[in-house]
PDB file of N, CA and C in Angstrom:
ATOM      1  N   MET A   1     -10.593 -11.978  -7.287  1.00  0.00           N
ATOM      2  CA  MET A   1      -9.054 -11.284  -6.810  1.00  0.00           C
ATOM      3  C   MET A   1      -8.366 -12.184  -5.698  1.00  0.00           C
ATOM      4  N   THR A   2      -7.187 -12.424  -6.132  1.00  0.00           N
ATOM      5  CA  THR A   2      -6.185 -12.904  -4.802  1.00  0.00           C
ATOM      6  C   THR A   2      -5.506 -11.875  -4.005  1.00  0.00           C
ATOM      7  N   GLN A   3      -4.767 -12.492  -2.890  1.00  0.00           N
ATOM      8  CA  GLN A   3      -3.990 -11.603  -2.251  1.00  0.00           C
ATOM      9  C   GLN A   3      -2.619 -11.280  -3.393  1.00  0.00           C
ATOM     10  N   GLU A   4      -2.245 -12.381  -4.129  1.00  0.00           N
ATOM     11  CA  GLU A   4      -1.127 -11.687  -4.909  1.00  0.00           C
ATOM     12  C   GLU A   4      -1.423 -10.771  -6.036  1.00  0.00           C
ATOM     13  N   ALA A   5      -2.432 -10.764  -6.544  1.00  0.00           N
ATOM     14  CA  ALA A   5      -2.897  -9.686  -7.292  1.00  0.00           C
ATOM     15  C   ALA A   5      -3.179  -8.367  -6.949  1.00  0.00           C
ATOM     16  N   ILE A   6      -3.343  -8.150  -5.446  1.00  0.00           N
ATOM     17  CA  ILE A   6      -3.496  -6.660  -4.385  1.00  0.00           C
ATOM     18  C   ILE A   6      -2.277  -6.552  -4.508  1.00  0.00           C
ATOM     19  N   LEU A   7      -1.574  -7.591  -3.793  1.00  0.00           N
ATOM     20  CA  LEU A   7      -0.111  -7.374  -3.859  1.00  0.00           C
ATOM     21  C   LEU A   7       0.904  -6.808  -5.047  1.00  0.00           C
ATOM     22  N   ASP A   8       0.658  -7.176  -6.120  1.00  0.00           N
ATOM     23  CA  ASP A   8       1.096  -6.939  -7.467  1.00  0.00           C
ATOM     24  C   ASP A   8       0.352  -5.400  -7.628  1.00  0.00           C
ATOM     25  N   ALA A   9      -0.909  -5.077  -7.758  1.00  0.00           N
ATOM     26  CA  ALA A   9      -1.299  -3.879  -7.930  1.00  0.00           C
ATOM     27  C   ALA A   9      -0.958  -2.799  -7.003  1.00  0.00           C
ATOM     28  N   LEU A  10      -0.646  -3.174  -5.376  1.00  0.00           N
ATOM     29  CA  LEU A  10       0.102  -2.132  -4.740  1.00  0.00           C
ATOM     30  C   LEU A  10       1.473  -1.900  -5.101  1.00  0.00           C
ATOM     31  N   LYS A  11       2.143  -2.472  -5.864  1.00  0.00           N
ATOM     32  CA  LYS A  11       3.413  -2.045  -6.376  1.00  0.00           C
ATOM     33  C   LYS A  11       3.508  -1.202  -7.349  1.00  0.00           C
ATOM     34  N   ALA A  12       2.409  -0.768  -8.014  1.00  0.00           N
ATOM     35  CA  ALA A  12       2.235   0.457  -8.658  1.00  0.00           C
ATOM     36  C   ALA A  12       2.306   1.737  -7.816  1.00  0.00           C
ATOM     37  N   VAL A  13       1.914   1.479  -6.728  1.00  0.00           N
ATOM     38  CA  VAL A  13       1.835   2.674  -5.957  1.00  0.00           C
ATOM     39  C   VAL A  13       3.162   3.045  -4.950  1.00  0.00           C
ATOM     40  N   LYS A  14       3.606   4.303  -5.714  1.00  0.00           N
ATOM     41  CA  LYS A  14       4.911   4.713  -5.243  1.00  0.00           C
ATOM     42  C   LYS A  14       4.509   5.859  -3.984  1.00  0.00           C
ATOM     43  N   TYR A  15       5.877   5.464  -3.191  1.00  0.00           N
ATOM     44  CA  TYR A  15       5.739   6.210  -1.871  1.00  0.00           C
ATOM     45  C   TYR A  15       6.185   7.678  -2.343  1.00  0.00           C
ATOM     46  N   PRO A  16       5.382   8.818  -1.476  1.00  0.00           N
ATOM     47  CA  PRO A  16       5.451  10.306  -1.943  1.00  0.00           C
ATOM     48  C   PRO A  16       7.210  10.657  -1.682  1.00  0.00           C
ATOM     49  N   GLY A  17       7.553  10.937  -2.863  1.00  0.00           N
ATOM     50  CA  GLY A  17       9.091  11.721  -3.169  1.00  0.00           C
ATOM     51  C   GLY A  17      10.090  10.616  -3.342  1.00  0.00           C
ATOM     52  N   TYR A  18       9.376   9.468  -3.653  1.00  0.00           N
ATOM     53  CA  TYR A  18      10.412   8.634  -3.899  1.00  0.00           C
ATOM     54  C   TYR A  18      10.265   7.720  -5.278  1.00  0.00           C
ATOM     55  N   SER A  19      10.969   7.037  -5.536  1.00  0.00           N
ATOM     56  CA  SER A  19      10.729   6.639  -7.096  1.00  0.00           C
ATOM     57  C   SER A  19      10.176   4.968  -6.785  1.00  0.00           C
ATOM     58  N   ARG A  20      10.288   4.298  -5.398  1.00  0.00           N
ATOM     59  CA  ARG A  20      10.181   3.071  -5.122  1.00  0.00           C
ATOM     60  C   ARG A  20       8.721   2.917  -4.294  1.00  0.00           C
ATOM     61  N   ASP A  21       8.110   1.601  -4.541  1.00  0.00           N
ATOM     62  CA  ASP A  21       6.795   1.477  -4.038  1.00  0.00           C
ATOM     63  C   ASP A  21       6.561   1.159  -2.788  1.00  0.00           C
ATOM     64  N   ILE A  22       5.323   1.443  -2.279  1.00  0.00           N
ATOM     65  CA  ILE A  22       5.080   0.884  -1.083  1.00  0.00           C
ATOM     66  C   ILE A  22       5.097  -0.157  -0.370  1.00  0.00           C
ATOM     67  N   ILE A  23       5.096  -1.279  -1.617  1.00  0.00           N
ATOM     68  CA  ILE A  23       5.270  -2.663  -1.263  1.00  0.00           C
ATOM     69  C   ILE A  23       7.047  -2.679  -0.677  1.00  0.00           C
ATOM     70  N   SER A  24       7.940  -2.530  -1.765  1.00  0.00           N
ATOM     71  CA  SER A  24       9.146  -2.236  -1.446  1.00  0.00           C
ATOM     72  C   SER A  24       9.880  -1.848   0.060  1.00  0.00           C
ATOM     73  N   PHE A  25       8.905  -0.823   0.236  1.00  0.00           N
ATOM     74  CA  PHE A  25       9.191  -0.108   1.403  1.00  0.00           C
ATOM     75  C   PHE A  25       8.948  -0.625   2.937  1.00  0.00           C
ATOM     76  N   GLY A  26       7.987  -1.729   2.505  1.00  0.00           N
ATOM     77  CA  GLY A  26       7.376  -2.447   3.542  1.00  0.00           C
ATOM     78  C   GLY A  26       6.365  -1.827   4.510  1.00  0.00           C
ATOM     79  N   LEU A  27       5.599  -1.116   3.715  1.00  0.00           N
ATOM     80  CA  LEU A  27       4.614  -0.338   4.394  1.00  0.00           C
ATOM     81  C   LEU A  27       3.352  -1.122   4.651  1.00  0.00           C
ATOM     82  N   VAL A  28       3.160  -2.153   3.621  1.00  0.00           N
ATOM     83  CA  VAL A  28       2.021  -2.949   3.705  1.00  0.00           C
ATOM     84  C   VAL A  28       2.017  -4.136   4.673  1.00  0.00           C
ATOM     85  N   LYS A  29       1.325  -4.096   5.683  1.00  0.00           N
ATOM     86  CA  LYS A  29       1.664  -5.029   6.487  1.00  0.00           C
ATOM     87  C   LYS A  29       0.521  -6.010   6.852  1.00  0.00           C
ATOM     88  N   HIS A  30      -0.596  -5.843   6.056  1.00  0.00           N
ATOM     89  CA  HIS A  30      -1.655  -7.323   5.818  1.00  0.00           C
ATOM     90  C   HIS A  30      -2.835  -6.808   4.541  1.00  0.00           C
ATOM     91  N   VAL A  31      -2.848  -7.836   3.917  1.00  0.00           N
ATOM     92  CA  VAL A  31      -3.618  -8.205   2.775  1.00  0.00           C
ATOM     93  C   VAL A  31      -4.485  -9.021   2.939  1.00  0.00           C
ATOM     94  N   ALA A  32      -5.986  -8.973   2.769  1.00  0.00           N
ATOM     95  CA  ALA A  32      -6.723 -10.001   2.915  1.00  0.00           C
ATOM     96  C   ALA A  32      -7.834  -9.944   2.056  1.00  0.00           C
ATOM     97  N   VAL A  33      -8.248 -11.141   1.426  1.00  0.00           N
ATOM     98  CA  VAL A  33      -9.491 -11.137   0.548  1.00  0.00           C
ATOM     99  C   VAL A  33     -10.510 -12.079   1.022  1.00  0.00           C
ATOM    100  N   ASN A  34     -11.514 -11.420   1.361  1.00  0.00           N
ATOM    101  CA  ASN A  34     -12.591 -12.130   2.031  1.00  0.00           C
ATOM    102  C   ASN A  34     -13.979 -12.201   1.529  1.00  0.00           C
ATOM    103  N   ASN A  35     -14.510 -12.731   0.860  1.00  0.00           N
ATOM    104  CA  ASN A  35     -15.632 -12.809  -0.121  1.00  0.00           C
ATOM    105  C   ASN A  35     -16.044 -11.871  -0.953  1.00  0.00           C
ATOM    106  N   GLY A  36     -15.029 -11.388  -1.448  1.00  0.00           N
ATOM    107  CA  GLY A  36     -15.001 -10.310  -2.607  1.00  0.00           C
ATOM    108  C   GLY A  36     -14.722  -8.793  -1.916  1.00  0.00           C
ATOM    109  N   ALA A  37     -14.433  -8.950  -0.670  1.00  0.00           N
ATOM    110  CA  ALA A  37     -13.901  -7.681  -0.057  1.00  0.00           C
ATOM    111  C   ALA A  37     -12.429  -7.759   0.256  1.00  0.00           C
ATOM    112  N   VAL A  38     -11.788  -6.700   0.224  1.00  0.00           N
ATOM    113  CA  VAL A  38     -10.372  -6.599   0.089  1.00  0.00           C
ATOM    114  C   VAL A  38     -10.157  -5.605   1.617  1.00  0.00           C
ATOM    115  N   ASN A  39      -9.096  -6.071   2.362  1.00  0.00           N
ATOM    116  CA  ASN A  39      -8.436  -5.605   3.493  1.00  0.00           C
ATOM    117  C   ASN A  39      -7.513  -5.240   3.625  1.00  0.00           C
ATOM    118  N   VAL A  40      -6.799  -3.967   3.586  1.00  0.00           N
ATOM    119  CA  VAL A  40      -5.457  -3.729   3.295  1.00  0.00           C
ATOM    120  C   VAL A  40      -4.583  -2.683   4.731  1.00  0.00           C
ATOM    121  N   ARG A  41      -4.045  -3.323   5.561  1.00  0.00           N
ATOM    122  CA  ARG A  41      -3.355  -2.453   6.240  1.00  0.00           C
ATOM    123  C   ARG A  41      -2.023  -1.925   6.085  1.00  0.00           C
ATOM    124  N   LEU A  42      -2.108  -0.488   6.408  1.00  0.00           N
ATOM    125  CA  LEU A  42      -0.544   0.236   5.724  1.00  0.00           C
ATOM    126  C   LEU A  42      -0.208   0.474   7.464  1.00  0.00           C
ATOM    127  N   GLU A  43       1.556   0.744   7.290  1.00  0.00           N
ATOM    128  CA  GLU A  43       1.882   1.258   8.189  1.00  0.00           C
ATOM    129  C   GLU A  43       3.035   2.399   7.910  1.00  0.00           C
ATOM    130  N   LEU A  44       2.321   3.651   7.921  1.00  0.00           N
ATOM    131  CA  LEU A  44       3.406   4.368   7.693  1.00  0.00           C
ATOM    132  C   LEU A  44       4.239   5.353   8.669  1.00  0.00           C
ATOM    133  N   THR A  45       5.405   5.616   8.123  1.00  0.00           N
ATOM    134  CA  THR A  45       6.613   5.903   9.147  1.00  0.00           C
ATOM    135  C   THR A  45       6.946   7.383   8.546  1.00  0.00           C
ATOM    136  N   SER A  46       6.300   7.935   7.663  1.00  0.00           N
ATOM    137  CA  SER A  46       6.853   9.199   7.312  1.00  0.00           C
ATOM    138  C   SER A  46       6.524  10.369   8.476  1.00  0.00           C
ATOM    139  N   PRO A  47       7.528  11.497   8.667  1.00  0.00           N
ATOM    140  CA  PRO A  47       7.059  12.400   9.614  1.00  0.00           C
ATOM    141  C   PRO A  47       6.203  13.407   8.549  1.00  0.00           C
ATOM    142  N   ASN A  48       6.173  13.384   7.179  1.00  0.00           N
ATOM    143  CA  ASN A  48       5.084  14.251   6.495  1.00  0.00           C
ATOM    144  C   ASN A  48       3.873  13.778   6.733  1.00  0.00           C
ATOM    145  N   PRO A  49       2.808  14.602   7.236  1.00  0.00           N
ATOM    146  CA  PRO A  49       1.224  14.132   7.554  1.00  0.00           C
ATOM    147  C   PRO A  49       0.947  13.917   6.386  1.00  0.00           C
ATOM    148  N   ASP A  50       1.062  14.380   4.873  1.00  0.00           N
ATOM    149  CA  ASP A  50       0.654  14.558   4.188  1.00  0.00           C
ATOM    150  C   ASP A  50       0.882  13.007   3.062  1.00  0.00           C
ATOM    151  N   ALA A  51       1.926  12.434   3.879  1.00  0.00           N
ATOM    152  CA  ALA A  51       2.057  11.374   2.798  1.00  0.00           C
ATOM    153  C   ALA A  51       0.946  10.292   2.822  1.00  0.00           C
ATOM    154  N   ALA A  52      -0.205  10.221   3.762  1.00  0.00           N
ATOM    155  CA  ALA A  52      -1.120   9.077   3.980  1.00  0.00           C
ATOM    156  C   ALA A  52      -2.083   9.608   2.841  1.00  0.00           C
ATOM    157  N   LYS A  53      -2.582  11.078   2.954  1.00  0.00           N
ATOM    158  CA  LYS A  53      -3.562  11.401   1.837  1.00  0.00           C
ATOM    159  C   LYS A  53      -2.929  11.396   0.312  1.00  0.00           C
ATOM    160  N   ILE A  54      -1.753  11.378   0.188  1.00  0.00           N
ATOM    161  CA  ILE A  54      -1.049  11.022  -1.447  1.00  0.00           C
ATOM    162  C   ILE A  54      -1.036   9.672  -1.751  1.00  0.00           C
ATOM    163  N   ILE A  55      -0.658   8.924  -0.750  1.00  0.00           N
ATOM    164  CA  ILE A  55      -0.927   7.313  -1.183  1.00  0.00           C
ATOM    165  C   ILE A  55      -2.165   6.940  -1.123  1.00  0.00           C
ATOM    166  N   LYS A  56      -3.236   7.354  -0.310  1.00  0.00           N
ATOM    167  CA  LYS A  56      -4.578   7.082  -0.581  1.00  0.00           C
ATOM    168  C   LYS A  56      -5.268   7.629  -2.286  1.00  0.00           C
ATOM    169  N   ALA A  57      -4.679   8.677  -2.178  1.00  0.00           N
ATOM    170  CA  ALA A  57      -5.013   9.586  -3.659  1.00  0.00           C
ATOM    171  C   ALA A  57      -4.586   8.228  -4.780  1.00  0.00           C
TER     172      ALA A  57
END
């Protein structure tokens, strides 16, 4: 698994309530792959407290 593959997969994750994805909204701040472990850091800016739960699902 590569960083590019992770970013491509995250393009399929739509931001809640919008047709755009979390990559195009700039929410993904960090992606790292280390020995098979993937670390993704998001910065959510929505005033909707349920947005994180929806994205996580």
